[in-house]
Amino acid sequence: MQSVTARFTQLQRHVSQQRGAVEAAEPGSPGFDETLAALLTATDALLDHAGRIPELREAPARRTTEVLVLWVSRGYTALTGLTAAAVIPGWVAWGWLILLLPVLLAGLTAGWKVQPVRAGRPHRGRRASAVLAAVSALLLSAVAFAALSAWYVTGAVVCAAVAFFLGLPDAPGASTVKGSRK
């Protein structure tokens, strides 16, 4: 955040210096056109940076979302995989695979690397989606191991459904590109 403000201040100073140079030069004198062009270039750089300030301020929160989604996805995939593997020694009934395998496949398809959140796109829904998916996997595993009542499966299914709908990407036309000038 401080670097964003510092860069803005630096660009403002540069525009002021270029403006002073233009005011000191005589119109029509040699080098006046170059001095004026330098002022316009500095002004364009300032306006471009000013248009990107909301995006730059949001960048740390987007990065936090990316890392949170990655690690929560890894965690609930591992938990669901271990619970599904518990079917083999008989600790969990085979019927639980009907609910565990879709959650496991969802976690595996989420990937094992950071999925970038594009600037200007909502990302807080992805955080909530990841946490709800983890809660769903935790509830399913606890019920499968008979640590919780089977009624908690309903809560797990509700968490998974809400996580799915929160994690859906928004429509491509729903967001606009900010700061684009011609």
Protein backbone atom coordinates (compact mmCIF):
# COMPACT_ATOMS: atom_id res chain seq x y z
CA MET A 1 0.00 0.00 0.00
CA GLN A 2 2.80 2.41 0.86
CA SER A 3 4.60 1.60 -2.38
CA VAL A 4 1.43 2.44 -4.32
CA THR A 5 1.20 5.82 -2.61
CA ALA A 6 4.94 6.44 -2.96
CA ARG A 7 4.83 5.68 -6.68
CA PHE A 8 1.84 8.03 -7.10
CA THR A 9 3.68 10.80 -5.26
CA GLN A 10 6.79 10.21 -7.37
CA LEU A 11 4.75 10.47 -10.57
CA GLN A 12 3.07 13.65 -9.32
CA ARG A 13 6.48 15.23 -8.66
CA HIS A 14 7.67 14.22 -12.11
CA VAL A 15 4.61 15.86 -13.71
CA SER A 16 5.26 19.01 -11.66
CA GLN A 17 8.89 19.11 -12.82
CA GLN A 18 7.87 18.63 -16.45
CA ARG A 19 5.22 21.33 -16.10
CA GLY A 20 7.83 23.72 -14.71
CA ALA A 21 10.07 22.95 -17.66
CA VAL A 22 7.24 23.66 -20.11
CA GLU A 23 6.38 26.95 -18.37
CA ALA A 24 10.04 28.02 -18.44
CA ALA A 25 10.41 27.28 -22.16
CA GLU A 26 9.29 29.69 -24.82
CA PRO A 27 6.69 28.39 -27.28
CA GLY A 28 8.27 27.83 -30.65
CA SER A 29 11.80 27.68 -29.24
CA PRO A 30 14.04 24.71 -30.04
CA GLY A 31 13.23 21.81 -27.70
CA PHE A 32 9.79 23.13 -26.71
CA ASP A 33 7.98 20.31 -28.52
CA GLU A 34 10.15 17.69 -26.79
CA THR A 35 9.53 19.31 -23.40
CA LEU A 36 5.78 19.35 -24.04
CA ALA A 37 5.88 15.71 -25.17
CA ALA A 38 7.73 14.78 -21.96
CA LEU A 39 4.98 16.50 -19.93
CA LEU A 40 2.28 14.58 -21.79
CA THR A 41 4.13 11.30 -21.29
CA ALA A 42 4.53 11.97 -17.56
CA THR A 43 0.85 12.89 -17.29
CA ASP A 44 -0.18 9.69 -19.08
CA ALA A 45 1.97 7.63 -16.70
CA LEU A 46 0.33 9.36 -13.71
CA LEU A 47 -3.18 8.77 -15.06
CA ASP A 48 -2.43 5.13 -15.86
CA HIS A 49 -1.11 4.55 -12.35
CA ALA A 50 -4.08 6.37 -10.79
CA GLY A 51 -6.45 4.12 -12.75
CA ARG A 52 -4.69 1.01 -11.44
CA ILE A 53 -4.69 2.04 -7.76
CA PRO A 54 -7.81 0.00 -6.81
CA GLU A 55 -6.29 -3.06 -8.48
CA LEU A 56 -2.94 -2.53 -6.75
CA ARG A 57 -4.58 -2.09 -3.36
CA GLU A 58 -6.53 -5.32 -3.80
CA ALA A 59 -3.48 -7.36 -4.88
CA PRO A 60 -2.43 -8.53 -1.35
CA ALA A 61 -5.98 -9.71 -0.60
CA ARG A 62 -6.10 -11.58 -3.92
CA ARG A 63 -2.80 -13.27 -3.09
CA THR A 64 -4.14 -14.27 0.33
CA THR A 65 -7.19 -15.79 -1.35
CA GLU A 66 -5.02 -17.73 -3.79
CA VAL A 67 -2.87 -19.23 -1.02
CA LEU A 68 -5.84 -19.95 1.26
CA VAL A 69 -7.74 -21.74 -1.49
CA LEU A 70 -4.65 -23.77 -2.39
CA TRP A 71 -3.95 -25.01 1.14
CA VAL A 72 -7.57 -25.59 2.10
CA SER A 73 -8.04 -27.53 -1.12
CA ARG A 74 -4.99 -29.65 -0.36
CA GLY A 75 -6.19 -30.23 3.19
CA TYR A 76 -9.71 -31.33 2.41
CA THR A 77 -8.50 -33.46 -0.49
CA ALA A 78 -6.06 -35.27 1.81
CA LEU A 79 -8.71 -35.69 4.50
CA THR A 80 -11.26 -37.04 2.05
CA GLY A 81 -8.68 -39.32 0.45
CA LEU A 82 -7.67 -40.75 3.82
CA THR A 83 -11.31 -41.29 4.78
CA ALA A 84 -11.98 -43.02 1.46
CA ALA A 85 -8.87 -45.15 1.99
CA ALA A 86 -10.24 -46.16 5.40
CA VAL A 87 -12.79 -48.27 3.49
CA ILE A 88 -10.08 -50.81 2.67
CA PRO A 89 -9.36 -51.93 6.28
CA GLY A 90 -13.07 -51.71 7.05
CA TRP A 91 -12.98 -48.68 9.36
CA VAL A 92 -15.53 -46.96 7.14
CA ALA A 93 -18.43 -48.61 5.28
CA TRP A 94 -18.17 -48.93 1.50
CA GLY A 95 -21.37 -46.91 1.05
CA TRP A 96 -19.57 -43.74 2.14
CA LEU A 97 -17.63 -43.76 -1.11
CA ILE A 98 -20.77 -42.44 -2.84
CA LEU A 99 -20.35 -39.15 -0.96
CA LEU A 100 -16.59 -39.16 -0.50
CA LEU A 101 -15.49 -39.75 -4.09
CA PRO A 102 -17.16 -36.64 -5.59
CA VAL A 103 -15.58 -34.47 -2.88
CA LEU A 104 -12.23 -36.16 -3.48
CA LEU A 105 -12.50 -35.67 -7.25
CA ALA A 106 -13.43 -32.01 -6.75
CA GLY A 107 -10.34 -31.51 -4.63
CA LEU A 108 -8.10 -33.30 -7.11
CA THR A 109 -9.42 -31.28 -10.05
CA ALA A 110 -8.84 -28.04 -8.13
CA GLY A 111 -5.15 -28.55 -8.75
CA TRP A 112 -2.07 -28.50 -6.59
CA LYS A 113 -0.72 -25.13 -7.63
CA VAL A 114 -1.90 -21.60 -6.99
CA GLN A 115 -4.75 -20.60 -9.27
CA PRO A 116 -4.35 -16.87 -9.89
CA VAL A 117 -7.27 -14.55 -9.31
CA ARG A 118 -7.44 -12.03 -12.12
CA ALA A 119 -7.54 -8.38 -11.19
CA GLY A 120 -11.00 -6.90 -11.02
CA ARG A 121 -12.62 -10.30 -10.38
CA PRO A 122 -14.35 -11.16 -7.13
CA HIS A 123 -12.26 -13.40 -4.94
CA ARG A 124 -13.83 -13.35 -1.48
CA GLY A 125 -16.42 -15.88 -2.67
CA ARG A 126 -13.55 -18.25 -3.45
CA ARG A 127 -12.35 -17.97 0.15
CA ALA A 128 -15.78 -18.80 1.51
CA SER A 129 -16.16 -21.61 -1.00
CA ALA A 130 -12.88 -23.21 0.04
CA VAL A 131 -13.68 -23.01 3.74
CA LEU A 132 -17.19 -24.45 3.23
CA ALA A 133 -15.77 -27.29 1.13
CA ALA A 134 -13.33 -28.06 3.95
CA VAL A 135 -16.15 -28.02 6.51
CA SER A 136 -18.12 -30.36 4.27
CA ALA A 137 -15.19 -32.79 4.01
CA LEU A 138 -14.60 -32.62 7.76
CA LEU A 139 -18.26 -33.34 8.52
CA LEU A 140 -18.38 -36.21 6.04
CA SER A 141 -15.24 -37.76 7.49
CA ALA A 142 -16.49 -37.39 11.07
CA VAL A 143 -19.82 -39.00 10.20
CA ALA A 144 -18.13 -41.77 8.19
CA PHE A 145 -15.97 -42.66 11.20
CA ALA A 146 -19.14 -42.51 13.39
CA ALA A 147 -17.76 -39.63 15.45
CA LEU A 148 -20.89 -37.58 14.69
CA SER A 149 -24.52 -38.44 14.10
CA ALA A 150 -25.59 -39.25 10.55
CA TRP A 151 -27.78 -36.13 10.59
CA TYR A 152 -24.62 -34.09 10.06
CA VAL A 153 -24.49 -35.43 6.50
CA THR A 154 -27.24 -32.93 5.75
CA GLY A 155 -24.99 -30.13 7.00
CA ALA A 156 -22.13 -31.47 4.92
CA VAL A 157 -24.27 -31.56 1.79
CA VAL A 158 -25.53 -28.02 2.42
CA CYS A 159 -21.95 -26.79 2.96
CA ALA A 160 -20.83 -28.50 -0.24
CA ALA A 161 -23.73 -27.02 -2.25
CA VAL A 162 -23.11 -23.50 -0.96
CA ALA A 163 -19.37 -23.92 -1.58
CA PHE A 164 -20.10 -24.98 -5.14
CA PHE A 165 -22.29 -21.97 -5.87
CA LEU A 166 -19.94 -19.50 -4.17
CA GLY A 167 -17.00 -20.90 -6.09
CA LEU A 168 -18.61 -20.57 -9.50
CA PRO A 169 -16.87 -17.95 -11.62
CA ASP A 170 -18.84 -14.88 -12.47
CA ALA A 171 -20.04 -14.31 -16.00
CA PRO A 172 -17.27 -13.04 -18.27
CA GLY A 173 -19.31 -9.98 -19.22
CA ALA A 174 -20.16 -9.13 -15.61
CA SER A 175 -16.93 -7.33 -14.87
CA THR A 176 -15.49 -4.47 -16.82
CA VAL A 177 -11.90 -3.59 -17.41
CA LYS A 178 -11.17 -0.48 -15.41
CA GLY A 179 -8.74 2.15 -16.41
CA SER A 180 -8.68 1.35 -20.10
CA ARG A 181 -8.24 4.47 -22.15
CA LYS A 182 -7.79 5.03 -25.83
